[in-house]
Amino acid sequence: MKHHLAIFENFKIRRLYDEKAELWYFSVVDIIQALIQQPDFQTARKYWNKLKERLKKEGNQ
């Protein structure tokens, strides 16, 4: 597996490429941080935790 950084609108998105499965994995928190334009990682992490909690309550995964 290879680690790579992608830049999206000046936000660094951590990603990992699994050569065996030929799949990319991206950091959800990094993507949320870029989408909500939040410079603080911890705020984006809390946002994701709250969203994940709400999705579980609704029966989504």
C-alpha atoms as a PDB file:
ATOM      1  CA  MET A   1       0.000   0.000   0.000  1.00  0.00           C
ATOM      2  CA  LYS A   2       1.226   3.459  -0.852  1.00  0.00           C
ATOM      3  CA  HIS A   3       0.399   6.662   1.020  1.00  0.00           C
ATOM      4  CA  HIS A   4      -0.239   9.794  -1.027  1.00  0.00           C
ATOM      5  CA  LEU A   5      -1.411  13.332  -0.359  1.00  0.00           C
ATOM      6  CA  ALA A   6      -3.878  15.027  -2.650  1.00  0.00           C
ATOM      7  CA  ILE A   7      -4.521  18.756  -2.634  1.00  0.00           C
ATOM      8  CA  PHE A   8      -8.103  19.977  -2.989  1.00  0.00           C
ATOM      9  CA  GLU A   9      -8.658  23.734  -2.776  1.00  0.00           C
ATOM     10  CA  ASN A  10      -5.582  24.108  -0.533  1.00  0.00           C
ATOM     11  CA  PHE A  11      -6.657  21.285   1.796  1.00  0.00           C
ATOM     12  CA  LYS A  12      -4.503  18.189   2.132  1.00  0.00           C
ATOM     13  CA  ILE A  13      -6.475  14.969   1.683  1.00  0.00           C
ATOM     14  CA  ARG A  14      -4.782  11.843   2.991  1.00  0.00           C
ATOM     15  CA  ARG A  15      -5.222   8.844   0.742  1.00  0.00           C
ATOM     16  CA  LEU A  16      -3.926   5.312   0.487  1.00  0.00           C
ATOM     17  CA  TYR A  17      -3.673   3.150  -2.611  1.00  0.00           C
ATOM     18  CA  ASP A  18      -4.006  -0.602  -2.218  1.00  0.00           C
ATOM     19  CA  GLU A  19      -2.188  -2.027  -5.237  1.00  0.00           C
ATOM     20  CA  LYS A  20      -3.436  -5.544  -4.621  1.00  0.00           C
ATOM     21  CA  ALA A  21      -7.119  -4.559  -4.638  1.00  0.00           C
ATOM     22  CA  GLU A  22      -6.523  -1.586  -6.962  1.00  0.00           C
ATOM     23  CA  LEU A  23      -8.548   0.687  -4.662  1.00  0.00           C
ATOM     24  CA  TRP A  24      -8.062   4.181  -3.251  1.00  0.00           C
ATOM     25  CA  TYR A  25      -8.980   4.920   0.376  1.00  0.00           C
ATOM     26  CA  PHE A  26      -9.499   8.532   1.466  1.00  0.00           C
ATOM     27  CA  SER A  27      -9.650  10.147   4.895  1.00  0.00           C
ATOM     28  CA  VAL A  28     -13.290  11.062   5.527  1.00  0.00           C
ATOM     29  CA  VAL A  29     -12.312  13.746   8.034  1.00  0.00           C
ATOM     30  CA  ASP A  30      -9.962  15.387   5.523  1.00  0.00           C
ATOM     31  CA  ILE A  31     -12.708  15.419   2.881  1.00  0.00           C
ATOM     32  CA  ILE A  32     -15.227  16.913   5.320  1.00  0.00           C
ATOM     33  CA  GLN A  33     -12.658  19.507   6.355  1.00  0.00           C
ATOM     34  CA  ALA A  34     -12.318  20.597   2.719  1.00  0.00           C
ATOM     35  CA  LEU A  35     -16.058  20.505   1.988  1.00  0.00           C
ATOM     36  CA  ILE A  36     -17.052  22.641   4.967  1.00  0.00           C
ATOM     37  CA  GLN A  37     -13.992  24.880   4.442  1.00  0.00           C
ATOM     38  CA  GLN A  38     -12.847  24.335   8.038  1.00  0.00           C
ATOM     39  CA  PRO A  39      -9.160  25.067   8.688  1.00  0.00           C
ATOM     40  CA  ASP A  40      -9.298  23.363  12.112  1.00  0.00           C
ATOM     41  CA  PHE A  41      -8.889  19.568  11.925  1.00  0.00           C
ATOM     42  CA  GLN A  42     -10.506  18.976  15.332  1.00  0.00           C
ATOM     43  CA  THR A  43     -13.679  20.833  14.333  1.00  0.00           C
ATOM     44  CA  ALA A  44     -13.945  18.729  11.176  1.00  0.00           C
ATOM     45  CA  ARG A  45     -13.364  15.577  13.229  1.00  0.00           C
ATOM     46  CA  LYS A  46     -16.156  16.539  15.664  1.00  0.00           C
ATOM     47  CA  TYR A  47     -18.445  17.322  12.719  1.00  0.00           C
ATOM     48  CA  TRP A  48     -17.803  13.846  11.283  1.00  0.00           C
ATOM     49  CA  ASN A  49     -18.372  12.150  14.653  1.00  0.00           C
ATOM     50  CA  LYS A  50     -21.718  13.929  15.082  1.00  0.00           C
ATOM     51  CA  LEU A  51     -22.778  13.147  11.501  1.00  0.00           C
ATOM     52  CA  LYS A  52     -21.809   9.486  11.927  1.00  0.00           C
ATOM     53  CA  GLU A  53     -23.826   9.320  15.149  1.00  0.00           C
ATOM     54  CA  ARG A  54     -26.905  10.787  13.413  1.00  0.00           C
ATOM     55  CA  LEU A  55     -26.579   8.388  10.487  1.00  0.00           C
ATOM     56  CA  LYS A  56     -26.441   5.401  12.842  1.00  0.00           C
ATOM     57  CA  LYS A  57     -29.603   6.599  14.604  1.00  0.00           C
ATOM     58  CA  GLU A  58     -31.365   6.815  11.231  1.00  0.00           C
ATOM     59  CA  GLY A  59     -30.293   3.280  10.387  1.00  0.00           C
ATOM     60  CA  ASN A  60     -27.730   4.276   7.763  1.00  0.00           C
ATOM     61  CA  GLN A  61     -24.174   3.050   7.797  1.00  0.00           C
END
